[in-house]
């Protein structure tokens, strides 16, 4: 039996509101969103949960969330960071296909995306319902299967769910 695999499903941190002429994908994090990402990265570090792969939508807010979390974990230049266009506006089926393609050398993977899909993925993979994942919320799932390619509906155990407090400084 191989090493247990862990999947972190993460919603991006708080982003600026969409201006009338802006594209949704270009929205950056707010200052509070940057603090959220740093806080949750530090929380993962304190729990010794160190992903070797981060998969993110290419949207500015998800990339910034990933970069801040990676820095908070002290993993710069030590991990693989993939900006996957399919994560933006993805269906649960598309996210599942992305998960199925993860290289088996990775035992802990973080996937940073958007609502409603990221919340729906929790229920799809673990049968544990989270209505609306708050900004920078993280769900930790443990795979019940040995390979990423076998991940499908109900194939993960819900381990924990956490999100940053409403006030950070």
N, C-alpha and C. Protein backbone atom coordinates (compact mmCIF):
# COMPACT_ATOMS: atom_id res chain seq x y z
N UNK A 1 0.84 -1.19 0.00
CA UNK A 1 0.00 0.00 0.00
C UNK A 1 0.88 1.24 0.00
N UNK A 2 0.55 2.21 -0.86
CA UNK A 2 1.32 3.45 -0.96
C UNK A 2 0.99 4.42 0.15
N UNK A 3 1.66 5.57 0.09
CA UNK A 3 1.44 6.61 1.09
C UNK A 3 0.03 7.21 0.92
N UNK A 4 -0.65 7.48 2.06
CA UNK A 4 -1.97 8.11 2.01
C UNK A 4 -1.87 9.43 1.26
N UNK A 5 -2.87 9.73 0.47
CA UNK A 5 -2.89 10.96 -0.30
C UNK A 5 -3.91 11.94 0.31
N UNK A 6 -3.51 13.22 0.33
CA UNK A 6 -4.33 14.27 0.92
C UNK A 6 -4.60 15.33 -0.14
N UNK A 7 -5.86 15.74 -0.23
CA UNK A 7 -6.27 16.80 -1.14
C UNK A 7 -6.83 17.96 -0.32
N UNK A 8 -6.26 19.14 -0.53
CA UNK A 8 -6.77 20.36 0.09
C UNK A 8 -7.56 21.12 -0.96
N UNK A 9 -8.84 21.30 -0.73
CA UNK A 9 -9.68 22.11 -1.60
C UNK A 9 -9.80 23.49 -0.96
N UNK A 10 -9.37 24.52 -1.69
CA UNK A 10 -9.25 25.86 -1.13
C UNK A 10 -9.99 26.86 -2.02
N UNK A 11 -10.78 27.69 -1.38
CA UNK A 11 -11.39 28.81 -2.12
C UNK A 11 -10.42 29.99 -2.02
N UNK A 12 -10.30 30.74 -3.09
CA UNK A 12 -9.42 31.91 -3.08
C UNK A 12 -9.80 32.86 -1.95
N UNK A 13 -8.84 33.69 -1.55
CA UNK A 13 -9.06 34.69 -0.51
C UNK A 13 -9.93 35.83 -1.06
N UNK A 14 -10.31 36.74 -0.17
CA UNK A 14 -11.20 37.84 -0.54
C UNK A 14 -10.61 38.69 -1.66
N UNK A 15 -11.42 38.92 -2.69
CA UNK A 15 -10.99 39.70 -3.86
C UNK A 15 -11.74 41.02 -3.93
N UNK A 16 -11.14 41.96 -4.64
CA UNK A 16 -11.79 43.25 -4.86
C UNK A 16 -13.05 43.05 -5.69
N UNK A 17 -14.00 43.96 -5.50
CA UNK A 17 -15.23 43.91 -6.29
C UNK A 17 -14.93 44.17 -7.75
N UNK A 18 -15.76 43.66 -8.58
CA UNK A 18 -15.61 43.80 -10.02
C UNK A 18 -16.02 45.19 -10.47
N UNK A 19 -15.10 45.92 -11.11
CA UNK A 19 -15.43 47.22 -11.69
C UNK A 19 -16.19 47.02 -12.98
N UNK A 20 -16.86 48.05 -13.44
CA UNK A 20 -17.73 47.93 -14.61
C UNK A 20 -16.97 47.59 -15.90
N UNK A 21 -15.69 47.93 -15.95
CA UNK A 21 -14.92 47.65 -17.18
C UNK A 21 -13.91 46.53 -17.00
N UNK A 22 -13.91 45.92 -15.84
CA UNK A 22 -12.92 44.88 -15.56
C UNK A 22 -13.42 43.49 -15.95
N UNK A 23 -12.47 42.63 -16.24
CA UNK A 23 -12.77 41.21 -16.41
C UNK A 23 -12.70 40.55 -15.05
N UNK A 24 -13.61 39.62 -14.78
CA UNK A 24 -13.63 38.92 -13.49
C UNK A 24 -12.29 38.26 -13.19
N UNK A 25 -11.65 37.70 -14.19
CA UNK A 25 -10.38 37.00 -13.96
C UNK A 25 -9.27 37.92 -13.47
N UNK A 26 -9.41 39.22 -13.68
CA UNK A 26 -8.35 40.17 -13.33
C UNK A 26 -8.50 40.76 -11.93
N UNK A 27 -9.51 40.34 -11.18
CA UNK A 27 -9.71 40.91 -9.84
C UNK A 27 -8.61 40.46 -8.89
N UNK A 28 -7.87 41.41 -8.29
CA UNK A 28 -6.83 41.04 -7.31
C UNK A 28 -7.42 40.87 -5.92
N UNK A 29 -6.61 40.37 -5.02
CA UNK A 29 -7.02 40.26 -3.62
C UNK A 29 -7.08 41.63 -2.97
N UNK A 30 -7.96 41.75 -1.99
CA UNK A 30 -7.96 42.93 -1.13
C UNK A 30 -6.80 42.78 -0.14
N UNK A 31 -6.53 43.83 0.60
CA UNK A 31 -5.49 43.73 1.65
C UNK A 31 -5.90 42.67 2.67
N UNK A 32 -7.21 42.63 3.00
CA UNK A 32 -7.69 41.62 3.93
C UNK A 32 -7.52 40.22 3.34
N UNK A 33 -7.78 40.08 2.04
CA UNK A 33 -7.59 38.79 1.37
C UNK A 33 -6.16 38.31 1.46
N UNK A 34 -5.21 39.24 1.33
CA UNK A 34 -3.80 38.87 1.46
C UNK A 34 -3.50 38.37 2.87
N UNK A 35 -4.10 39.01 3.87
CA UNK A 35 -3.92 38.55 5.26
C UNK A 35 -4.56 37.17 5.46
N UNK A 36 -5.73 36.95 4.84
CA UNK A 36 -6.38 35.64 4.93
C UNK A 36 -5.47 34.53 4.40
N UNK A 37 -4.91 34.76 3.22
CA UNK A 37 -4.05 33.75 2.59
C UNK A 37 -2.81 33.49 3.44
N UNK A 38 -2.23 34.54 3.98
CA UNK A 38 -1.05 34.38 4.84
C UNK A 38 -1.42 33.59 6.10
N UNK A 39 -2.55 33.94 6.71
CA UNK A 39 -3.00 33.26 7.93
C UNK A 39 -3.22 31.76 7.70
N UNK A 40 -3.89 31.43 6.60
CA UNK A 40 -4.19 30.02 6.34
C UNK A 40 -2.93 29.26 5.92
N UNK A 41 -2.02 29.91 5.22
CA UNK A 41 -0.73 29.28 4.91
C UNK A 41 0.05 28.96 6.18
N UNK A 42 0.05 29.91 7.11
CA UNK A 42 0.74 29.69 8.39
C UNK A 42 0.06 28.58 9.19
N UNK A 43 -1.26 28.51 9.09
CA UNK A 43 -1.99 27.45 9.80
C UNK A 43 -1.60 26.08 9.25
N UNK A 44 -1.54 25.96 7.91
CA UNK A 44 -1.10 24.70 7.30
C UNK A 44 0.32 24.36 7.74
N UNK A 45 1.20 25.37 7.78
CA UNK A 45 2.59 25.14 8.21
C UNK A 45 2.63 24.63 9.64
N UNK A 46 1.82 25.22 10.52
CA UNK A 46 1.81 24.79 11.93
C UNK A 46 1.29 23.36 12.08
N UNK A 47 0.47 22.92 11.12
CA UNK A 47 -0.05 21.55 11.14
C UNK A 47 0.86 20.59 10.37
N UNK A 48 1.94 21.13 9.82
CA UNK A 48 2.90 20.36 9.02
C UNK A 48 2.25 19.71 7.80
N UNK A 49 1.31 20.44 7.20
CA UNK A 49 0.68 19.99 5.96
C UNK A 49 1.34 20.78 4.84
N UNK A 50 2.22 20.12 4.11
CA UNK A 50 3.05 20.79 3.12
C UNK A 50 2.80 20.20 1.73
N UNK A 51 1.93 20.82 0.96
CA UNK A 51 1.67 20.31 -0.39
C UNK A 51 2.93 20.36 -1.25
N UNK A 52 3.09 19.35 -2.10
CA UNK A 52 4.18 19.38 -3.08
C UNK A 52 3.69 19.90 -4.42
N UNK A 53 2.35 20.06 -4.55
CA UNK A 53 1.75 20.56 -5.78
C UNK A 53 0.61 21.50 -5.43
N UNK A 54 0.63 22.69 -6.02
CA UNK A 54 -0.48 23.63 -5.96
C UNK A 54 -1.04 23.73 -7.37
N UNK A 55 -2.36 23.55 -7.50
CA UNK A 55 -3.04 23.74 -8.78
C UNK A 55 -4.01 24.90 -8.56
N UNK A 56 -3.95 25.89 -9.44
CA UNK A 56 -4.76 27.08 -9.29
C UNK A 56 -5.39 27.46 -10.61
N UNK A 57 -6.54 28.07 -10.52
CA UNK A 57 -7.11 28.76 -11.68
C UNK A 57 -6.13 29.88 -12.05
N UNK A 58 -6.11 30.32 -13.30
CA UNK A 58 -5.21 31.42 -13.68
C UNK A 58 -5.73 32.80 -13.27
N UNK A 59 -6.92 32.87 -12.67
CA UNK A 59 -7.45 34.17 -12.23
C UNK A 59 -6.49 34.80 -11.23
N UNK A 60 -6.36 36.12 -11.30
CA UNK A 60 -5.39 36.84 -10.46
C UNK A 60 -5.58 36.50 -8.99
N UNK A 61 -6.83 36.45 -8.52
CA UNK A 61 -7.08 36.23 -7.09
C UNK A 61 -6.67 34.83 -6.62
N UNK A 62 -6.81 33.82 -7.47
CA UNK A 62 -6.39 32.48 -7.07
C UNK A 62 -4.88 32.34 -7.13
N UNK A 63 -4.26 32.95 -8.12
CA UNK A 63 -2.80 32.91 -8.22
C UNK A 63 -2.18 33.63 -7.02
N UNK A 64 -2.72 34.80 -6.67
CA UNK A 64 -2.20 35.53 -5.51
C UNK A 64 -2.39 34.72 -4.23
N UNK A 65 -3.55 34.10 -4.08
CA UNK A 65 -3.80 33.26 -2.89
C UNK A 65 -2.75 32.16 -2.82
N UNK A 66 -2.52 31.48 -3.92
CA UNK A 66 -1.52 30.40 -3.95
C UNK A 66 -0.13 30.92 -3.62
N UNK A 67 0.28 32.01 -4.25
CA UNK A 67 1.63 32.54 -4.03
C UNK A 67 1.85 32.95 -2.58
N UNK A 68 0.85 33.58 -1.97
CA UNK A 68 0.99 33.99 -0.56
C UNK A 68 1.04 32.76 0.34
N UNK A 69 0.19 31.78 0.08
CA UNK A 69 0.19 30.57 0.90
C UNK A 69 1.52 29.82 0.76
N UNK A 70 2.02 29.72 -0.46
CA UNK A 70 3.30 29.05 -0.70
C UNK A 70 4.42 29.74 0.08
N UNK A 71 4.44 31.08 0.06
CA UNK A 71 5.44 31.83 0.80
C UNK A 71 5.27 31.63 2.30
N UNK A 72 4.03 31.62 2.80
CA UNK A 72 3.78 31.41 4.23
C UNK A 72 4.20 30.01 4.69
N UNK A 73 4.14 29.07 3.77
CA UNK A 73 4.57 27.69 4.06
C UNK A 73 6.08 27.53 3.93
N UNK A 74 6.76 28.56 3.40
CA UNK A 74 8.20 28.47 3.17
C UNK A 74 8.56 27.51 2.06
N UNK A 75 7.69 27.40 1.05
CA UNK A 75 7.89 26.41 0.00
C UNK A 75 8.29 27.00 -1.35
N UNK A 76 8.64 28.30 -1.37
CA UNK A 76 9.06 28.88 -2.64
C UNK A 76 10.19 28.04 -3.22
N UNK A 77 10.15 27.80 -4.51
CA UNK A 77 11.17 27.02 -5.24
C UNK A 77 11.27 25.57 -4.80
N UNK A 78 10.33 25.09 -3.97
CA UNK A 78 10.37 23.70 -3.49
C UNK A 78 9.15 22.90 -3.93
N UNK A 79 8.24 23.54 -4.64
CA UNK A 79 7.01 22.87 -5.03
C UNK A 79 6.74 23.07 -6.51
N UNK A 80 5.75 22.35 -7.00
CA UNK A 80 5.26 22.56 -8.35
C UNK A 80 3.99 23.41 -8.25
N UNK A 81 3.93 24.48 -9.03
CA UNK A 81 2.76 25.36 -9.04
C UNK A 81 2.23 25.42 -10.47
N UNK A 82 1.02 24.91 -10.67
CA UNK A 82 0.41 24.84 -12.00
C UNK A 82 -0.79 25.76 -12.05
N UNK A 83 -0.80 26.66 -13.03
CA UNK A 83 -1.97 27.51 -13.30
C UNK A 83 -2.77 26.81 -14.39
N UNK A 84 -3.86 26.20 -13.98
CA UNK A 84 -4.66 25.37 -14.88
C UNK A 84 -5.92 26.13 -15.32
N UNK A 85 -5.99 26.54 -16.60
CA UNK A 85 -7.14 27.31 -17.09
C UNK A 85 -8.49 26.61 -16.88
N UNK A 86 -8.51 25.29 -16.88
CA UNK A 86 -9.76 24.55 -16.73
C UNK A 86 -10.39 24.73 -15.35
N UNK A 87 -9.61 25.18 -14.36
CA UNK A 87 -10.16 25.36 -13.00
C UNK A 87 -11.14 26.53 -12.96
N UNK A 88 -10.91 27.55 -13.79
CA UNK A 88 -11.78 28.72 -13.82
C UNK A 88 -13.10 28.33 -14.49
N UNK A 89 -14.22 28.57 -13.82
CA UNK A 89 -15.56 28.22 -14.34
C UNK A 89 -15.72 26.73 -14.59
N UNK A 90 -15.03 25.90 -13.85
CA UNK A 90 -15.07 24.45 -14.06
C UNK A 90 -16.31 23.82 -13.43
N UNK A 91 -16.69 22.70 -13.99
CA UNK A 91 -17.72 21.86 -13.40
C UNK A 91 -17.02 20.87 -12.46
N UNK A 92 -17.80 20.17 -11.65
CA UNK A 92 -17.20 19.15 -10.78
C UNK A 92 -16.52 18.07 -11.62
N UNK A 93 -17.12 17.75 -12.76
CA UNK A 93 -16.53 16.73 -13.64
C UNK A 93 -15.15 17.18 -14.13
N UNK A 94 -15.04 18.45 -14.52
CA UNK A 94 -13.76 18.95 -15.00
C UNK A 94 -12.70 18.96 -13.89
N UNK A 95 -13.10 19.36 -12.69
CA UNK A 95 -12.15 19.35 -11.56
C UNK A 95 -11.74 17.92 -11.26
N UNK A 96 -12.68 16.99 -11.31
CA UNK A 96 -12.35 15.59 -11.07
C UNK A 96 -11.33 15.09 -12.10
N UNK A 97 -11.50 15.49 -13.36
CA UNK A 97 -10.54 15.09 -14.40
C UNK A 97 -9.14 15.66 -14.13
N UNK A 98 -9.09 16.89 -13.63
CA UNK A 98 -7.79 17.50 -13.27
C UNK A 98 -7.14 16.69 -12.15
N UNK A 99 -7.93 16.34 -11.13
CA UNK A 99 -7.42 15.55 -10.02
C UNK A 99 -6.92 14.19 -10.52
N UNK A 100 -7.66 13.59 -11.43
CA UNK A 100 -7.28 12.27 -11.97
C UNK A 100 -5.96 12.29 -12.72
N UNK A 101 -5.51 13.45 -13.14
CA UNK A 101 -4.27 13.57 -13.90
C UNK A 101 -3.06 13.94 -13.04
N UNK A 102 -3.25 14.06 -11.73
CA UNK A 102 -2.14 14.41 -10.84
C UNK A 102 -1.12 13.28 -10.84
N UNK A 103 0.15 13.65 -10.92
CA UNK A 103 1.24 12.68 -10.88
C UNK A 103 1.26 11.99 -9.52
N UNK A 104 1.44 10.68 -9.54
CA UNK A 104 1.41 9.87 -8.31
C UNK A 104 2.53 10.21 -7.32
N UNK A 105 3.56 10.92 -7.75
CA UNK A 105 4.64 11.29 -6.82
C UNK A 105 4.16 12.29 -5.77
N UNK A 106 3.02 12.95 -6.01
CA UNK A 106 2.50 13.94 -5.06
C UNK A 106 1.56 13.26 -4.06
N UNK A 107 1.87 13.40 -2.78
CA UNK A 107 0.98 12.82 -1.76
C UNK A 107 0.08 13.87 -1.11
N UNK A 108 0.49 15.14 -1.17
CA UNK A 108 -0.35 16.23 -0.64
C UNK A 108 -0.47 17.28 -1.74
N UNK A 109 -1.72 17.57 -2.13
CA UNK A 109 -1.98 18.49 -3.22
C UNK A 109 -2.99 19.53 -2.76
N UNK A 110 -2.74 20.80 -3.13
CA UNK A 110 -3.68 21.89 -2.87
C UNK A 110 -4.28 22.34 -4.20
N UNK A 111 -5.60 22.42 -4.25
CA UNK A 111 -6.30 22.90 -5.43
C UNK A 111 -7.07 24.15 -5.03
N UNK A 112 -6.73 25.28 -5.66
CA UNK A 112 -7.34 26.56 -5.32
C UNK A 112 -8.26 26.99 -6.45
N UNK A 113 -9.53 27.18 -6.09
CA UNK A 113 -10.50 27.52 -7.11
C UNK A 113 -11.56 28.48 -6.62
N UNK A 114 -12.73 28.38 -7.23
CA UNK A 114 -13.81 29.34 -7.07
C UNK A 114 -15.09 28.65 -6.64
N UNK A 115 -15.94 29.41 -5.97
CA UNK A 115 -17.29 28.94 -5.69
C UNK A 115 -18.15 29.19 -6.91
N UNK A 116 -19.17 28.39 -7.16
CA UNK A 116 -19.67 27.34 -6.29
C UNK A 116 -18.94 26.00 -6.43
N UNK A 117 -18.08 25.88 -7.44
CA UNK A 117 -17.49 24.57 -7.75
C UNK A 117 -16.68 24.00 -6.60
N UNK A 118 -15.88 24.83 -5.92
CA UNK A 118 -15.01 24.30 -4.87
C UNK A 118 -15.85 23.72 -3.73
N UNK A 119 -16.97 24.39 -3.40
CA UNK A 119 -17.88 23.85 -2.37
C UNK A 119 -18.55 22.57 -2.86
N UNK A 120 -18.95 22.55 -4.12
CA UNK A 120 -19.60 21.36 -4.69
C UNK A 120 -18.65 20.17 -4.72
N UNK A 121 -17.36 20.43 -4.94
CA UNK A 121 -16.38 19.33 -4.98
C UNK A 121 -16.28 18.62 -3.64
N UNK A 122 -16.42 19.35 -2.55
CA UNK A 122 -16.37 18.73 -1.22
C UNK A 122 -17.46 17.67 -1.12
N UNK A 123 -18.68 18.05 -1.47
CA UNK A 123 -19.79 17.10 -1.42
C UNK A 123 -19.64 15.96 -2.40
N UNK A 124 -19.17 16.26 -3.59
CA UNK A 124 -19.00 15.24 -4.62
C UNK A 124 -17.99 14.19 -4.20
N UNK A 125 -16.85 14.63 -3.67
CA UNK A 125 -15.77 13.69 -3.33
C UNK A 125 -15.97 13.01 -1.99
N UNK A 126 -16.60 13.70 -1.03
CA UNK A 126 -16.65 13.15 0.33
C UNK A 126 -18.05 12.92 0.86
N UNK A 127 -19.08 13.35 0.14
CA UNK A 127 -20.46 13.26 0.61
C UNK A 127 -20.69 14.10 1.87
N UNK A 128 -19.78 15.06 2.13
CA UNK A 128 -19.91 15.99 3.26
C UNK A 128 -20.29 17.34 2.68
N UNK A 129 -21.38 17.90 3.12
CA UNK A 129 -21.89 19.12 2.51
C UNK A 129 -21.35 20.37 3.19
N UNK A 130 -20.86 21.28 2.36
CA UNK A 130 -20.53 22.63 2.81
C UNK A 130 -21.29 23.55 1.88
N UNK A 131 -22.25 24.30 2.43
CA UNK A 131 -23.09 25.15 1.59
C UNK A 131 -22.29 26.13 0.77
N UNK A 132 -21.64 27.05 1.43
CA UNK A 132 -20.83 28.06 0.75
C UNK A 132 -19.50 28.16 1.46
N UNK A 133 -18.45 27.76 0.78
CA UNK A 133 -17.10 27.85 1.35
C UNK A 133 -16.73 29.33 1.49
N UNK A 134 -16.37 29.77 2.69
CA UNK A 134 -15.96 31.17 2.85
C UNK A 134 -14.63 31.43 2.15
N UNK A 135 -14.35 32.71 1.90
CA UNK A 135 -13.09 33.05 1.25
C UNK A 135 -11.92 32.50 2.06
N UNK A 136 -11.01 31.90 1.36
CA UNK A 136 -9.80 31.26 1.90
C UNK A 136 -10.11 30.08 2.82
N UNK A 137 -11.31 29.55 2.69
CA UNK A 137 -11.65 28.33 3.42
C UNK A 137 -10.89 27.15 2.83
N UNK A 138 -10.56 26.20 3.70
CA UNK A 138 -9.83 25.00 3.28
C UNK A 138 -10.57 23.77 3.80
N UNK A 139 -10.77 22.81 2.92
CA UNK A 139 -11.27 21.50 3.31
C UNK A 139 -10.15 20.50 3.05
N UNK A 140 -9.87 19.67 4.04
CA UNK A 140 -8.86 18.62 3.90
C UNK A 140 -9.58 17.29 3.71
N UNK A 141 -9.23 16.63 2.60
CA UNK A 141 -9.80 15.32 2.29
C UNK A 141 -8.67 14.30 2.21
N UNK A 142 -8.95 13.10 2.67
CA UNK A 142 -8.01 12.00 2.53
C UNK A 142 -8.60 11.00 1.55
N UNK A 143 -7.79 10.58 0.59
CA UNK A 143 -8.27 9.66 -0.43
C UNK A 143 -8.49 8.26 0.14
N UNK A 144 -9.58 7.63 -0.28
CA UNK A 144 -9.85 6.23 0.05
C UNK A 144 -9.31 5.30 -1.02
N UNK A 145 -8.70 5.86 -2.04
CA UNK A 145 -8.14 5.09 -3.15
C UNK A 145 -6.64 5.35 -3.19
N UNK A 146 -5.90 4.48 -3.82
CA UNK A 146 -4.44 4.57 -3.80
C UNK A 146 -3.85 5.51 -4.84
N UNK A 147 -4.63 5.82 -5.87
CA UNK A 147 -4.09 6.61 -6.96
C UNK A 147 -5.01 7.78 -7.27
N UNK A 148 -4.41 8.90 -7.66
CA UNK A 148 -5.18 10.08 -8.05
C UNK A 148 -6.13 9.74 -9.20
N UNK A 149 -5.69 8.87 -10.08
CA UNK A 149 -6.49 8.53 -11.26
C UNK A 149 -7.79 7.81 -10.90
N UNK A 150 -7.90 7.32 -9.67
CA UNK A 150 -9.09 6.59 -9.23
C UNK A 150 -10.07 7.45 -8.44
N UNK A 151 -9.71 8.72 -8.21
CA UNK A 151 -10.58 9.61 -7.44
C UNK A 151 -11.87 9.85 -8.23
N UNK A 152 -13.00 9.67 -7.55
CA UNK A 152 -14.30 9.89 -8.15
C UNK A 152 -15.30 10.21 -7.04
N UNK A 153 -16.57 10.30 -7.37
CA UNK A 153 -17.59 10.61 -6.38
C UNK A 153 -17.51 9.68 -5.17
N UNK A 154 -17.45 10.28 -3.98
CA UNK A 154 -17.46 9.52 -2.74
C UNK A 154 -16.16 8.81 -2.40
N UNK A 155 -15.07 9.09 -3.10
CA UNK A 155 -13.82 8.35 -2.88
C UNK A 155 -12.88 8.99 -1.87
N UNK A 156 -13.35 10.00 -1.16
CA UNK A 156 -12.50 10.68 -0.18
C UNK A 156 -13.20 10.76 1.17
N UNK A 157 -12.39 10.78 2.23
CA UNK A 157 -12.89 11.02 3.58
C UNK A 157 -12.72 12.48 3.92
N UNK A 158 -13.76 13.08 4.48
CA UNK A 158 -13.69 14.44 4.99
C UNK A 158 -12.86 14.40 6.28
N UNK A 159 -11.81 15.21 6.37
CA UNK A 159 -10.95 15.22 7.55
C UNK A 159 -11.21 16.46 8.40
N UNK A 160 -11.12 17.63 7.80
CA UNK A 160 -11.42 18.87 8.53
C UNK A 160 -11.74 20.01 7.56
N UNK A 161 -12.32 21.07 8.13
CA UNK A 161 -12.69 22.28 7.40
C UNK A 161 -12.31 23.46 8.28
N UNK A 162 -11.65 24.46 7.71
CA UNK A 162 -11.27 25.64 8.48
C UNK A 162 -11.26 26.85 7.56
N UNK A 163 -11.38 28.01 8.16
CA UNK A 163 -11.34 29.26 7.39
C UNK A 163 -10.84 30.36 8.32
N UNK A 164 -10.35 31.46 7.75
CA UNK A 164 -9.78 32.51 8.59
C UNK A 164 -10.86 33.26 9.36
N UNK A 165 -10.47 33.87 10.49
CA UNK A 165 -11.42 34.68 11.25
C UNK A 165 -11.83 35.92 10.45
N UNK A 166 -12.90 36.56 10.88
CA UNK A 166 -13.40 37.74 10.17
C UNK A 166 -12.52 38.97 10.37
N UNK A 167 -11.66 38.91 11.38
CA UNK A 167 -10.74 40.03 11.62
C UNK A 167 -9.33 39.48 11.75
N UNK A 168 -8.41 40.09 11.01
CA UNK A 168 -7.01 39.72 11.07
C UNK A 168 -6.20 41.01 11.10
N UNK A 169 -5.02 40.95 11.73
CA UNK A 169 -4.15 42.13 11.69
C UNK A 169 -2.71 41.71 11.55
